[in-house]
Amino acid sequence: MVGVGQTLTQSYLNSQTVYSNYYIDEPYENNVPPATMVNIAYWISLVNPNAQFFFSDWYWPDFDLACLNYGNGNYINTYYFPNSNVHIMCDQYGGNGCGTPHQFWDRYKSDYGYQQRNKSNWISLDYSFDWVELLIVAKGYSSPGYFDHFWVYGDDPDVNESFIQSFDSYAYSTGWISNYQLQAVNVYQNQTVGSCAFPGSNWQLINTYYTGASRWAHF
């Protein structure tokens, strides 16, 4: 999946590598005009008729008035029309008074339908207390072609290697990762006396072994 911005032009898109999935982050929150979304979706369909165009949103679906007390209940749907290749992704990670992430996902399923508009959601590495629940929920939603994947977000200072390893373990235990390998340690030997700069042509890989301490997932 490759990210696109609201300043994307058709000529630029045509000059780039063709991808299967395109993504724009939170267009409503970033004041992207619906006309821009329609244009991008159309250009993507010309480049690759089978490509999916995803966008994210962290409000309650359709800006439910009873929950957030503002917004237009039909506004999000303007991002869909008229292109069938556009899909919404929930990126509400911790709940905001309108419900837990699990409840957000349920509401997205109800409002947008996994067979139609909501094929995937975001999971944040920051909220480890939600990992197991969301992975189990995602497993229950999944069916061939519908919600058969999710995307993991981690871009904050507290997202470190231990978060990734723990998430991999949960994802493996819930069936989202089919196998794993142990962490590899590579051993190099310096072939040139007096030159210690690494990396360089004087260093040769002589051995690789695996530790039992870490698991790295194959997605």
N, C-alpha and C. Protein backbone atom coordinates (compact mmCIF):
# COMPACT_ATOMS: atom_id res chain seq x y z
N MET A 1 0.85 -1.19 0.00
CA MET A 1 0.00 0.00 0.00
C MET A 1 0.88 1.24 0.00
N VAL A 2 0.56 2.20 -0.86
CA VAL A 2 1.33 3.43 -0.95
C VAL A 2 0.44 4.61 -0.57
N GLY A 3 1.01 5.56 0.15
CA GLY A 3 0.26 6.73 0.56
C GLY A 3 0.22 7.78 -0.54
N VAL A 4 -0.91 8.45 -0.68
CA VAL A 4 -1.05 9.56 -1.61
C VAL A 4 -1.52 10.79 -0.84
N GLY A 5 -1.24 11.96 -1.36
CA GLY A 5 -1.64 13.20 -0.71
C GLY A 5 -2.71 13.93 -1.49
N GLN A 6 -3.28 14.95 -0.85
CA GLN A 6 -4.38 15.67 -1.49
C GLN A 6 -3.92 16.52 -2.66
N THR A 7 -2.61 16.72 -2.82
CA THR A 7 -2.10 17.48 -3.95
C THR A 7 -1.72 16.58 -5.12
N LEU A 8 -2.05 15.30 -5.03
CA LEU A 8 -1.75 14.36 -6.10
C LEU A 8 -2.37 14.81 -7.41
N THR A 9 -1.62 14.65 -8.50
CA THR A 9 -2.13 14.95 -9.84
C THR A 9 -2.20 13.67 -10.65
N GLN A 10 -3.04 13.67 -11.65
CA GLN A 10 -3.19 12.49 -12.49
C GLN A 10 -1.90 12.17 -13.23
N SER A 11 -1.22 13.19 -13.72
CA SER A 11 0.02 12.95 -14.47
C SER A 11 1.09 12.33 -13.57
N TYR A 12 1.17 12.79 -12.32
CA TYR A 12 2.16 12.21 -11.40
C TYR A 12 1.82 10.76 -11.11
N LEU A 13 0.55 10.47 -10.85
CA LEU A 13 0.13 9.10 -10.58
C LEU A 13 0.46 8.20 -11.76
N ASN A 14 0.24 8.69 -12.97
CA ASN A 14 0.51 7.89 -14.16
C ASN A 14 1.99 7.60 -14.34
N SER A 15 2.85 8.44 -13.77
CA SER A 15 4.29 8.27 -13.95
C SER A 15 4.92 7.35 -12.91
N GLN A 16 4.13 6.91 -11.92
CA GLN A 16 4.66 6.13 -10.81
C GLN A 16 4.39 4.64 -10.98
N THR A 17 5.02 3.85 -10.14
CA THR A 17 4.77 2.41 -10.11
C THR A 17 3.31 2.15 -9.80
N VAL A 18 2.75 1.14 -10.43
CA VAL A 18 1.35 0.77 -10.20
C VAL A 18 1.26 -0.12 -8.97
N TYR A 19 0.38 0.25 -8.03
CA TYR A 19 0.20 -0.51 -6.79
C TYR A 19 -1.20 -1.12 -6.72
N SER A 20 -1.36 -2.05 -5.80
CA SER A 20 -2.67 -2.69 -5.60
C SER A 20 -3.52 -1.95 -4.58
N ASN A 21 -2.88 -1.19 -3.68
CA ASN A 21 -3.58 -0.46 -2.64
C ASN A 21 -3.01 0.94 -2.51
N TYR A 22 -3.90 1.91 -2.45
CA TYR A 22 -3.52 3.31 -2.25
C TYR A 22 -4.21 3.83 -1.00
N TYR A 23 -3.60 4.80 -0.34
CA TYR A 23 -4.13 5.24 0.95
C TYR A 23 -3.95 6.74 1.13
N ILE A 24 -4.98 7.38 1.69
CA ILE A 24 -4.87 8.77 2.12
C ILE A 24 -5.35 8.85 3.57
N ASP A 25 -4.60 9.56 4.40
CA ASP A 25 -4.85 9.55 5.83
C ASP A 25 -5.85 10.63 6.24
N GLU A 26 -6.94 10.21 6.88
CA GLU A 26 -7.91 11.11 7.52
C GLU A 26 -8.28 12.32 6.66
N PRO A 27 -8.89 12.12 5.51
CA PRO A 27 -9.19 13.24 4.62
C PRO A 27 -10.17 14.24 5.22
N TYR A 28 -11.16 13.76 5.99
CA TYR A 28 -12.10 14.71 6.59
C TYR A 28 -11.40 15.58 7.61
N GLU A 29 -10.62 14.95 8.48
CA GLU A 29 -9.92 15.70 9.52
C GLU A 29 -8.90 16.68 8.93
N ASN A 30 -8.39 16.37 7.72
CA ASN A 30 -7.40 17.22 7.06
C ASN A 30 -8.01 18.09 5.97
N ASN A 31 -9.34 18.19 5.98
CA ASN A 31 -10.06 19.12 5.08
C ASN A 31 -9.79 18.84 3.61
N VAL A 32 -9.72 17.58 3.25
CA VAL A 32 -9.61 17.22 1.84
C VAL A 32 -10.99 17.30 1.21
N PRO A 33 -11.18 18.09 0.17
CA PRO A 33 -12.51 18.22 -0.46
C PRO A 33 -12.99 16.90 -1.03
N PRO A 34 -14.27 16.59 -0.92
CA PRO A 34 -14.79 15.36 -1.53
C PRO A 34 -14.46 15.25 -3.02
N ALA A 35 -14.45 16.37 -3.74
CA ALA A 35 -14.13 16.33 -5.17
C ALA A 35 -12.72 15.78 -5.40
N THR A 36 -11.79 16.09 -4.50
CA THR A 36 -10.43 15.58 -4.61
C THR A 36 -10.42 14.07 -4.44
N MET A 37 -11.20 13.58 -3.47
CA MET A 37 -11.28 12.14 -3.25
C MET A 37 -11.84 11.43 -4.47
N VAL A 38 -12.87 12.02 -5.07
CA VAL A 38 -13.49 11.43 -6.26
C VAL A 38 -12.48 11.38 -7.41
N ASN A 39 -11.73 12.46 -7.60
CA ASN A 39 -10.74 12.50 -8.67
C ASN A 39 -9.66 11.45 -8.48
N ILE A 40 -9.11 11.38 -7.25
CA ILE A 40 -8.04 10.42 -6.98
C ILE A 40 -8.54 8.99 -7.20
N ALA A 41 -9.75 8.71 -6.71
CA ALA A 41 -10.30 7.37 -6.88
C ALA A 41 -10.45 7.03 -8.36
N TYR A 42 -10.88 7.99 -9.15
CA TYR A 42 -11.05 7.77 -10.59
C TYR A 42 -9.71 7.55 -11.26
N TRP A 43 -8.71 8.37 -10.94
CA TRP A 43 -7.39 8.21 -11.54
C TRP A 43 -6.79 6.85 -11.20
N ILE A 44 -6.98 6.43 -9.95
CA ILE A 44 -6.47 5.11 -9.55
C ILE A 44 -7.14 4.01 -10.37
N SER A 45 -8.43 4.13 -10.59
CA SER A 45 -9.16 3.12 -11.37
C SER A 45 -8.64 3.04 -12.80
N LEU A 46 -8.14 4.16 -13.34
CA LEU A 46 -7.57 4.14 -14.68
C LEU A 46 -6.20 3.48 -14.71
N VAL A 47 -5.42 3.72 -13.66
CA VAL A 47 -4.08 3.13 -13.57
C VAL A 47 -4.16 1.64 -13.34
N ASN A 48 -5.04 1.24 -12.41
CA ASN A 48 -5.21 -0.17 -12.07
C ASN A 48 -6.67 -0.41 -11.72
N PRO A 49 -7.46 -0.99 -12.63
CA PRO A 49 -8.89 -1.20 -12.37
C PRO A 49 -9.18 -2.06 -11.15
N ASN A 50 -8.20 -2.86 -10.72
CA ASN A 50 -8.40 -3.75 -9.57
C ASN A 50 -7.86 -3.17 -8.26
N ALA A 51 -7.29 -1.98 -8.31
CA ALA A 51 -6.70 -1.39 -7.11
C ALA A 51 -7.77 -0.89 -6.15
N GLN A 52 -7.43 -0.88 -4.85
CA GLN A 52 -8.30 -0.37 -3.81
C GLN A 52 -7.76 0.98 -3.33
N PHE A 53 -8.67 1.90 -3.06
CA PHE A 53 -8.29 3.21 -2.54
C PHE A 53 -8.86 3.32 -1.12
N PHE A 54 -7.97 3.31 -0.12
CA PHE A 54 -8.38 3.35 1.29
C PHE A 54 -8.20 4.75 1.86
N PHE A 55 -9.11 5.12 2.75
CA PHE A 55 -8.88 6.31 3.57
C PHE A 55 -9.30 5.99 4.99
N SER A 56 -8.73 6.72 5.94
CA SER A 56 -9.01 6.44 7.35
C SER A 56 -9.86 7.54 7.96
N ASP A 57 -10.44 7.21 9.10
CA ASP A 57 -11.29 8.15 9.81
C ASP A 57 -11.36 7.72 11.27
N TRP A 58 -11.32 8.67 12.20
CA TRP A 58 -11.36 8.29 13.62
C TRP A 58 -12.63 8.76 14.31
N TYR A 59 -13.52 9.42 13.60
CA TYR A 59 -14.81 9.76 14.19
C TYR A 59 -15.71 8.53 14.22
N TRP A 60 -16.77 8.65 15.02
CA TRP A 60 -17.79 7.60 14.97
C TRP A 60 -18.37 7.56 13.56
N PRO A 61 -18.66 6.38 13.04
CA PRO A 61 -19.16 6.30 11.66
C PRO A 61 -20.32 7.25 11.37
N ASP A 62 -20.24 7.87 10.22
CA ASP A 62 -21.26 8.82 9.76
C ASP A 62 -21.44 9.99 10.70
N PHE A 63 -20.48 10.26 11.59
CA PHE A 63 -20.58 11.38 12.53
C PHE A 63 -21.91 11.34 13.29
N ASP A 64 -22.14 10.24 13.93
CA ASP A 64 -23.39 9.98 14.65
C ASP A 64 -23.69 11.14 15.61
N LEU A 65 -24.82 11.81 15.42
CA LEU A 65 -25.13 13.01 16.19
C LEU A 65 -25.34 12.71 17.67
N ALA A 66 -25.90 11.56 17.98
CA ALA A 66 -26.15 11.22 19.38
C ALA A 66 -24.85 11.01 20.15
N CYS A 67 -23.81 10.70 19.43
CA CYS A 67 -22.54 10.42 20.09
C CYS A 67 -21.66 11.66 20.16
N LEU A 68 -21.41 12.28 19.03
CA LEU A 68 -20.48 13.40 18.99
C LEU A 68 -21.17 14.75 18.98
N ASN A 69 -22.45 14.78 18.69
CA ASN A 69 -23.26 16.00 18.75
C ASN A 69 -22.82 17.05 17.73
N TYR A 70 -22.24 16.61 16.63
CA TYR A 70 -21.96 17.52 15.53
C TYR A 70 -21.75 16.72 14.26
N GLY A 71 -21.73 17.42 13.15
CA GLY A 71 -21.45 16.77 11.88
C GLY A 71 -22.70 16.45 11.09
N ASN A 72 -22.48 15.94 9.92
CA ASN A 72 -23.56 15.59 8.99
C ASN A 72 -23.53 14.08 8.80
N GLY A 73 -24.64 13.44 9.07
CA GLY A 73 -24.69 11.98 9.02
C GLY A 73 -24.38 11.40 7.66
N ASN A 74 -24.48 12.17 6.60
CA ASN A 74 -24.23 11.66 5.27
C ASN A 74 -22.91 12.13 4.68
N TYR A 75 -22.15 12.91 5.43
CA TYR A 75 -20.99 13.55 4.85
C TYR A 75 -19.92 12.56 4.41
N ILE A 76 -19.65 11.57 5.25
CA ILE A 76 -18.63 10.59 4.89
C ILE A 76 -18.96 9.90 3.58
N ASN A 77 -20.23 9.67 3.34
CA ASN A 77 -20.60 8.95 2.12
C ASN A 77 -20.25 9.71 0.85
N THR A 78 -20.03 11.02 0.96
CA THR A 78 -19.63 11.76 -0.24
C THR A 78 -18.25 11.36 -0.70
N TYR A 79 -17.46 10.79 0.21
CA TYR A 79 -16.14 10.32 -0.19
C TYR A 79 -16.23 9.04 -1.01
N TYR A 80 -17.32 8.33 -0.91
CA TYR A 80 -17.49 7.10 -1.65
C TYR A 80 -17.96 7.36 -3.08
N PHE A 81 -18.82 8.27 -3.24
CA PHE A 81 -19.53 8.45 -4.50
C PHE A 81 -18.63 9.14 -5.52
N PRO A 82 -18.57 8.66 -6.77
CA PRO A 82 -19.33 7.53 -7.31
C PRO A 82 -18.46 6.28 -7.50
N ASN A 83 -17.30 6.22 -6.86
CA ASN A 83 -16.33 5.16 -7.18
C ASN A 83 -16.45 3.98 -6.22
N SER A 84 -16.53 2.79 -6.78
CA SER A 84 -16.68 1.59 -5.97
C SER A 84 -15.36 1.10 -5.39
N ASN A 85 -14.24 1.72 -5.79
CA ASN A 85 -12.94 1.25 -5.31
C ASN A 85 -12.51 1.93 -4.02
N VAL A 86 -13.36 2.78 -3.42
CA VAL A 86 -12.99 3.52 -2.21
C VAL A 86 -13.47 2.76 -0.98
N HIS A 87 -12.60 2.66 0.03
CA HIS A 87 -12.93 1.93 1.25
C HIS A 87 -12.46 2.70 2.47
N ILE A 88 -13.26 2.66 3.53
CA ILE A 88 -12.95 3.38 4.76
C ILE A 88 -12.27 2.44 5.75
N MET A 89 -11.33 3.00 6.53
CA MET A 89 -10.64 2.25 7.57
C MET A 89 -10.80 2.99 8.89
N CYS A 90 -11.19 2.28 9.93
CA CYS A 90 -11.28 2.87 11.26
C CYS A 90 -9.88 2.99 11.85
N ASP A 91 -9.51 4.20 12.28
CA ASP A 91 -8.24 4.35 12.99
C ASP A 91 -8.44 4.99 14.36
N GLN A 92 -9.58 4.68 14.98
CA GLN A 92 -9.82 5.07 16.37
C GLN A 92 -9.22 3.98 17.25
N TYR A 93 -8.17 4.34 17.99
CA TYR A 93 -7.40 3.33 18.70
C TYR A 93 -7.85 3.10 20.14
N GLY A 94 -8.15 4.18 20.87
CA GLY A 94 -8.36 4.02 22.29
C GLY A 94 -9.76 4.34 22.78
N GLY A 95 -10.69 4.66 21.86
CA GLY A 95 -12.01 5.09 22.31
C GLY A 95 -11.98 6.55 22.72
N ASN A 96 -13.08 7.24 22.57
CA ASN A 96 -13.08 8.68 22.89
C ASN A 96 -14.37 9.09 23.60
N GLY A 97 -14.97 8.18 24.32
CA GLY A 97 -16.24 8.49 24.97
C GLY A 97 -17.43 7.97 24.18
N CYS A 98 -17.21 7.67 22.92
CA CYS A 98 -18.26 7.09 22.08
C CYS A 98 -18.18 5.57 22.06
N GLY A 99 -17.20 5.01 22.73
CA GLY A 99 -17.08 3.57 22.76
C GLY A 99 -15.64 3.11 22.71
N THR A 100 -15.44 1.82 22.90
CA THR A 100 -14.12 1.21 22.80
C THR A 100 -13.78 0.98 21.33
N PRO A 101 -12.52 0.68 21.03
CA PRO A 101 -12.19 0.32 19.65
C PRO A 101 -13.03 -0.84 19.12
N HIS A 102 -13.30 -1.81 19.99
CA HIS A 102 -14.15 -2.93 19.58
C HIS A 102 -15.52 -2.43 19.14
N GLN A 103 -16.12 -1.52 19.91
CA GLN A 103 -17.43 -0.98 19.55
C GLN A 103 -17.36 -0.15 18.28
N PHE A 104 -16.26 0.57 18.07
CA PHE A 104 -16.07 1.29 16.81
C PHE A 104 -16.08 0.32 15.64
N TRP A 105 -15.35 -0.76 15.78
CA TRP A 105 -15.29 -1.74 14.68
C TRP A 105 -16.66 -2.33 14.40
N ASP A 106 -17.40 -2.65 15.45
CA ASP A 106 -18.75 -3.19 15.26
C ASP A 106 -19.64 -2.19 14.52
N ARG A 107 -19.51 -0.92 14.90
CA ARG A 107 -20.33 0.10 14.26
C ARG A 107 -19.91 0.31 12.79
N TYR A 108 -18.62 0.24 12.53
CA TYR A 108 -18.17 0.34 11.14
C TYR A 108 -18.75 -0.81 10.32
N LYS A 109 -18.74 -1.99 10.91
CA LYS A 109 -19.30 -3.15 10.21
C LYS A 109 -20.77 -2.92 9.92
N SER A 110 -21.50 -2.38 10.89
CA SER A 110 -22.93 -2.14 10.73
C SER A 110 -23.22 -1.05 9.70
N ASP A 111 -22.46 0.05 9.76
CA ASP A 111 -22.74 1.20 8.90
C ASP A 111 -22.18 1.06 7.49
N TYR A 112 -20.99 0.46 7.38
CA TYR A 112 -20.31 0.45 6.09
C TYR A 112 -20.25 -0.92 5.44
N GLY A 113 -20.31 -1.97 6.23
CA GLY A 113 -20.34 -3.31 5.67
C GLY A 113 -18.98 -3.75 5.15
N TYR A 114 -18.47 -4.86 5.67
CA TYR A 114 -17.17 -5.34 5.24
C TYR A 114 -17.17 -5.81 3.80
N GLN A 115 -18.30 -6.21 3.29
CA GLN A 115 -18.34 -6.64 1.90
C GLN A 115 -18.40 -5.44 0.96
N GLN A 116 -18.69 -4.27 1.48
CA GLN A 116 -18.83 -3.11 0.62
C GLN A 116 -17.69 -2.11 0.81
N ARG A 117 -17.62 -1.46 2.00
CA ARG A 117 -16.75 -0.31 2.13
C ARG A 117 -15.65 -0.43 3.18
N ASN A 118 -15.79 -1.32 4.13
CA ASN A 118 -14.82 -1.40 5.23
C ASN A 118 -14.14 -2.77 5.20
N LYS A 119 -13.08 -2.88 4.42
CA LYS A 119 -12.39 -4.15 4.25
C LYS A 119 -11.22 -4.33 5.21
N SER A 120 -10.82 -3.24 5.89
CA SER A 120 -9.64 -3.31 6.73
C SER A 120 -9.66 -2.15 7.72
N ASN A 121 -8.98 -2.32 8.86
CA ASN A 121 -8.85 -1.26 9.86
C ASN A 121 -7.41 -1.16 10.33
N TRP A 122 -7.15 -0.12 11.09
CA TRP A 122 -5.84 0.09 11.70
C TRP A 122 -5.84 -0.42 13.14
N ILE A 123 -4.72 -0.98 13.55
CA ILE A 123 -4.47 -1.33 14.95
C ILE A 123 -3.19 -0.62 15.37
N SER A 124 -3.21 0.02 16.53
CA SER A 124 -2.04 0.75 17.00
C SER A 124 -1.21 -0.11 17.95
N LEU A 125 0.10 -0.02 17.80
CA LEU A 125 0.99 -0.72 18.72
C LEU A 125 0.99 -0.09 20.10
N ASP A 126 0.47 1.14 20.23
CA ASP A 126 0.49 1.83 21.51
C ASP A 126 -0.47 1.23 22.52
N TYR A 127 -1.55 0.61 22.05
CA TYR A 127 -2.63 0.20 22.95
C TYR A 127 -2.63 -1.32 23.09
N SER A 128 -1.64 -1.82 23.83
CA SER A 128 -1.48 -3.27 23.93
C SER A 128 -2.67 -3.94 24.59
N PHE A 129 -3.44 -3.20 25.42
CA PHE A 129 -4.58 -3.83 26.09
C PHE A 129 -5.70 -4.13 25.12
N ASP A 130 -5.63 -3.60 23.90
CA ASP A 130 -6.66 -3.86 22.89
C ASP A 130 -6.23 -4.90 21.87
N TRP A 131 -4.96 -5.28 21.86
CA TRP A 131 -4.48 -6.14 20.79
C TRP A 131 -5.26 -7.43 20.66
N VAL A 132 -5.31 -8.19 21.76
CA VAL A 132 -5.93 -9.51 21.70
C VAL A 132 -7.39 -9.38 21.30
N GLU A 133 -8.10 -8.45 21.92
CA GLU A 133 -9.52 -8.29 21.62
C GLU A 133 -9.74 -7.95 20.15
N LEU A 134 -8.98 -6.98 19.63
CA LEU A 134 -9.18 -6.57 18.25
C LEU A 134 -8.78 -7.67 17.27
N LEU A 135 -7.73 -8.41 17.59
CA LEU A 135 -7.32 -9.49 16.70
C LEU A 135 -8.37 -10.59 16.66
N ILE A 136 -8.97 -10.88 17.81
CA ILE A 136 -10.03 -11.88 17.85
C ILE A 136 -11.27 -11.38 17.10
N VAL A 137 -11.60 -10.10 17.29
CA VAL A 137 -12.73 -9.51 16.57
C VAL A 137 -12.48 -9.57 15.06
N ALA A 138 -11.27 -9.20 14.65
CA ALA A 138 -10.93 -9.23 13.23
C ALA A 138 -11.05 -10.65 12.67
N LYS A 139 -10.66 -11.62 13.46
CA LYS A 139 -10.76 -13.01 13.02
C LYS A 139 -12.21 -13.39 12.80
N GLY A 140 -13.09 -12.91 13.68
CA GLY A 140 -14.51 -13.21 13.53
C GLY A 140 -15.14 -12.53 12.33
N TYR A 141 -14.63 -11.36 11.95
CA TYR A 141 -15.17 -10.64 10.81
C TYR A 141 -14.69 -11.22 9.48
N SER A 142 -13.55 -11.86 9.48
CA SER A 142 -12.88 -12.19 8.24
C SER A 142 -13.63 -13.27 7.46
N SER A 143 -13.58 -13.12 6.17
CA SER A 143 -14.06 -14.12 5.23
C SER A 143 -13.31 -13.87 3.93
N PRO A 144 -13.30 -14.84 3.02
CA PRO A 144 -12.49 -14.66 1.80
C PRO A 144 -12.81 -13.35 1.06
N GLY A 145 -11.79 -12.52 0.93
CA GLY A 145 -11.96 -11.27 0.21
C GLY A 145 -12.45 -10.11 1.05
N TYR A 146 -12.94 -10.38 2.27
CA TYR A 146 -13.49 -9.32 3.10
C TYR A 146 -12.80 -9.31 4.46
N PHE A 147 -12.23 -8.19 4.79
CA PHE A 147 -11.52 -8.03 6.05
C PHE A 147 -10.56 -9.19 6.29
N ASP A 148 -9.73 -9.43 5.30
CA ASP A 148 -8.76 -10.51 5.42
C ASP A 148 -7.37 -9.98 5.75
N HIS A 149 -7.29 -8.71 6.13
CA HIS A 149 -6.03 -8.15 6.57
C HIS A 149 -6.31 -6.90 7.40
N PHE A 150 -5.31 -6.45 8.11
CA PHE A 150 -5.39 -5.18 8.82
C PHE A 150 -4.02 -4.53 8.73
N TRP A 151 -3.94 -3.27 9.13
CA TRP A 151 -2.68 -2.53 9.07
C TRP A 151 -2.30 -2.11 10.49
N VAL A 152 -1.02 -2.19 10.79
CA VAL A 152 -0.51 -1.88 12.13
C VAL A 152 0.23 -0.55 12.08
N TYR A 153 -0.12 0.34 13.03
CA TYR A 153 0.47 1.67 13.07
C TYR A 153 1.38 1.80 14.28
N GLY A 154 2.57 2.33 14.08
CA GLY A 154 3.47 2.60 15.18
C GLY A 154 4.43 3.71 14.82
N ASP A 155 4.21 4.89 15.34
CA ASP A 155 5.05 6.03 14.97
C ASP A 155 5.32 6.96 16.14
N ASP A 156 5.16 6.46 17.35
CA ASP A 156 5.37 7.28 18.54
C ASP A 156 6.66 6.84 19.24
N PRO A 157 7.23 7.72 20.08
CA PRO A 157 8.51 7.38 20.73
C PRO A 157 8.47 6.12 21.58
N ASP A 158 7.28 5.79 22.12
CA ASP A 158 7.21 4.63 23.00
C ASP A 158 6.95 3.33 22.24
N VAL A 159 6.87 3.40 20.91
CA VAL A 159 6.74 2.18 20.12
C VAL A 159 8.14 1.67 19.82
N ASN A 160 8.50 0.57 20.44
CA ASN A 160 9.85 0.06 20.28
C ASN A 160 9.82 -1.42 19.93
N GLU A 161 10.95 -2.03 19.91
CA GLU A 161 11.05 -3.42 19.48
C GLU A 161 10.20 -4.36 20.33
N SER A 162 10.11 -4.09 21.63
CA SER A 162 9.33 -4.97 22.50
C SER A 162 7.85 -4.92 22.15
N PHE A 163 7.35 -3.76 21.72
CA PHE A 163 5.96 -3.68 21.28
C PHE A 163 5.74 -4.58 20.08
N ILE A 164 6.65 -4.53 19.12
CA ILE A 164 6.49 -5.30 17.90
C ILE A 164 6.54 -6.79 18.20
N GLN A 165 7.49 -7.20 19.04
CA GLN A 165 7.61 -8.61 19.38
C GLN A 165 6.36 -9.12 20.09
N SER A 166 5.83 -8.32 21.02
CA SER A 166 4.63 -8.73 21.75
C SER A 166 3.43 -8.83 20.81
N PHE A 167 3.32 -7.85 19.92
CA PHE A 167 2.21 -7.87 18.97
C PHE A 167 2.30 -9.10 18.07
N ASP A 168 3.51 -9.40 17.60
CA ASP A 168 3.69 -10.59 16.76
C ASP A 168 3.23 -11.84 17.48
N SER A 169 3.54 -11.93 18.77
CA SER A 169 3.16 -13.10 19.55
C SER A 169 1.64 -13.24 19.62
N TYR A 170 0.94 -12.12 19.89
CA TYR A 170 -0.52 -12.15 19.94
C TYR A 170 -1.11 -12.47 18.57
N ALA A 171 -0.54 -11.87 17.53
CA ALA A 171 -1.05 -12.11 16.18
C ALA A 171 -0.86 -13.57 15.78
N TYR A 172 0.24 -14.16 16.19
CA TYR A 172 0.48 -15.56 15.90
C TYR A 172 -0.51 -16.44 16.66
N SER A 173 -0.76 -16.11 17.93
CA SER A 173 -1.65 -16.93 18.74
C SER A 173 -3.10 -16.85 18.27
N THR A 174 -3.47 -15.78 17.59
CA THR A 174 -4.84 -15.63 17.10
C THR A 174 -4.98 -15.98 15.63
N GLY A 175 -3.91 -16.47 15.01
CA GLY A 175 -4.00 -17.00 13.66
C GLY A 175 -3.79 -15.99 12.55
N TRP A 176 -3.41 -14.74 12.89
CA TRP A 176 -3.19 -13.75 11.85
C TRP A 176 -1.80 -13.88 11.24
N ILE A 177 -0.90 -14.49 11.94
CA ILE A 177 0.42 -14.81 11.39
C ILE A 177 0.54 -16.32 11.34
N SER A 178 0.83 -16.84 10.17
CA SER A 178 0.79 -18.29 10.00
C SER A 178 2.06 -18.98 10.47
N ASN A 179 3.19 -18.26 10.51
CA ASN A 179 4.41 -18.88 11.00
C ASN A 179 5.36 -17.79 11.45
N TYR A 180 6.44 -18.18 12.03
CA TYR A 180 7.41 -17.22 12.53
C TYR A 180 8.80 -17.81 12.47
N GLN A 181 9.78 -16.97 12.57
CA GLN A 181 11.15 -17.45 12.64
C GLN A 181 11.83 -16.79 13.83
N LEU A 182 12.84 -17.44 14.36
CA LEU A 182 13.59 -16.87 15.45
C LEU A 182 14.49 -15.75 14.94
N GLN A 183 14.83 -14.85 15.83
CA GLN A 183 15.65 -13.71 15.43
C GLN A 183 17.03 -14.17 14.99
N ALA A 184 17.48 -13.64 13.85
CA ALA A 184 18.76 -14.05 13.29
C ALA A 184 19.89 -13.17 13.81
N VAL A 185 21.02 -13.80 14.07
CA VAL A 185 22.24 -13.07 14.42
C VAL A 185 23.29 -13.41 13.37
N ASN A 186 23.79 -12.39 12.68
CA ASN A 186 24.80 -12.58 11.65
C ASN A 186 26.19 -12.31 12.21
N VAL A 187 27.13 -13.18 11.87
CA VAL A 187 28.52 -13.03 12.32
C VAL A 187 29.39 -12.70 11.12
N TYR A 188 30.08 -11.57 11.20
CA TYR A 188 30.97 -11.13 10.13
C TYR A 188 32.42 -11.21 10.59
N GLN A 189 33.34 -11.44 9.65
CA GLN A 189 34.77 -11.47 9.94
C GLN A 189 35.50 -10.46 9.05
N ASN A 190 36.37 -9.69 9.68
CA ASN A 190 37.15 -8.70 8.95
C ASN A 190 38.27 -9.40 8.18
N GLN A 191 38.29 -9.23 6.87
CA GLN A 191 39.26 -9.90 6.02
C GLN A 191 40.49 -9.04 5.72
N THR A 192 40.49 -7.78 6.20
CA THR A 192 41.58 -6.87 5.87
C THR A 192 42.21 -6.35 7.15
N VAL A 193 43.48 -6.59 7.33
CA VAL A 193 44.19 -6.13 8.52
C VAL A 193 44.30 -4.60 8.48
N GLY A 194 43.95 -3.97 9.60
CA GLY A 194 44.10 -2.53 9.73
C GLY A 194 42.91 -1.72 9.26
N SER A 195 41.87 -2.36 8.76
CA SER A 195 40.68 -1.64 8.33
C SER A 195 39.48 -2.18 9.08
N CYS A 196 38.90 -1.37 9.98
CA CYS A 196 37.80 -1.84 10.83
C CYS A 196 36.46 -1.19 10.48
N ALA A 197 36.41 -0.35 9.46
CA ALA A 197 35.17 0.33 9.11
C ALA A 197 34.12 -0.68 8.66
N PHE A 198 32.94 -0.60 9.28
CA PHE A 198 31.86 -1.53 8.95
C PHE A 198 30.61 -0.73 8.61
N PRO A 199 29.85 -1.08 7.57
CA PRO A 199 30.11 -2.20 6.66
C PRO A 199 31.13 -1.82 5.60
N GLY A 200 31.59 -2.81 4.87
CA GLY A 200 32.55 -2.59 3.81
C GLY A 200 32.92 -3.90 3.15
N SER A 201 33.62 -3.81 2.04
CA SER A 201 33.96 -5.01 1.27
C SER A 201 34.92 -5.93 2.01
N ASN A 202 35.59 -5.39 3.03
CA ASN A 202 36.54 -6.21 3.79
C ASN A 202 35.86 -7.11 4.82
N TRP A 203 34.56 -6.91 5.04
CA TRP A 203 33.83 -7.75 6.00
C TRP A 203 33.09 -8.86 5.25
N GLN A 204 33.22 -10.08 5.75
CA GLN A 204 32.58 -11.23 5.11
C GLN A 204 31.67 -11.94 6.09
N LEU A 205 30.46 -12.26 5.64
CA LEU A 205 29.51 -13.02 6.47
C LEU A 205 29.99 -14.46 6.57
N ILE A 206 30.26 -14.92 7.80
CA ILE A 206 30.78 -16.27 7.97
C ILE A 206 29.80 -17.22 8.67
N ASN A 207 28.77 -16.66 9.33
CA ASN A 207 27.85 -17.55 10.03
C ASN A 207 26.56 -16.79 10.35
N THR A 208 25.44 -17.52 10.41
CA THR A 208 24.16 -17.00 10.87
C THR A 208 23.55 -18.02 11.81
N TYR A 209 23.14 -17.56 12.98
CA TYR A 209 22.45 -18.45 13.90
C TYR A 209 21.24 -17.75 14.48
N TYR A 210 20.35 -18.53 15.07
CA TYR A 210 19.09 -17.99 15.57
C TYR A 210 19.00 -18.13 17.08
N THR A 211 18.50 -17.08 17.71
CA THR A 211 18.32 -17.10 19.15
C THR A 211 16.91 -17.57 19.48
N GLY A 212 16.72 -17.94 20.73
CA GLY A 212 15.39 -18.34 21.17
C GLY A 212 14.64 -17.23 21.86
N ALA A 213 15.19 -16.02 21.81
CA ALA A 213 14.63 -14.94 22.61
C ALA A 213 13.55 -14.15 21.89
N SER A 214 13.61 -14.09 20.56
CA SER A 214 12.71 -13.19 19.85
C SER A 214 12.06 -13.91 18.68
N ARG A 215 10.84 -13.48 18.39
CA ARG A 215 10.14 -14.01 17.24
C ARG A 215 9.85 -12.87 16.28
N TRP A 216 10.16 -13.07 15.02
CA TRP A 216 9.85 -12.08 14.01
C TRP A 216 8.89 -12.72 13.01
N ALA A 217 7.83 -12.02 12.75
CA ALA A 217 6.74 -12.64 12.02
C ALA A 217 6.89 -12.54 10.51
N HIS A 218 6.37 -13.52 9.84
CA HIS A 218 6.15 -13.46 8.38
C HIS A 218 4.69 -13.08 8.16
N PHE A 219 4.42 -11.90 7.61
CA PHE A 219 3.04 -11.50 7.35
C PHE A 219 2.62 -11.98 5.98
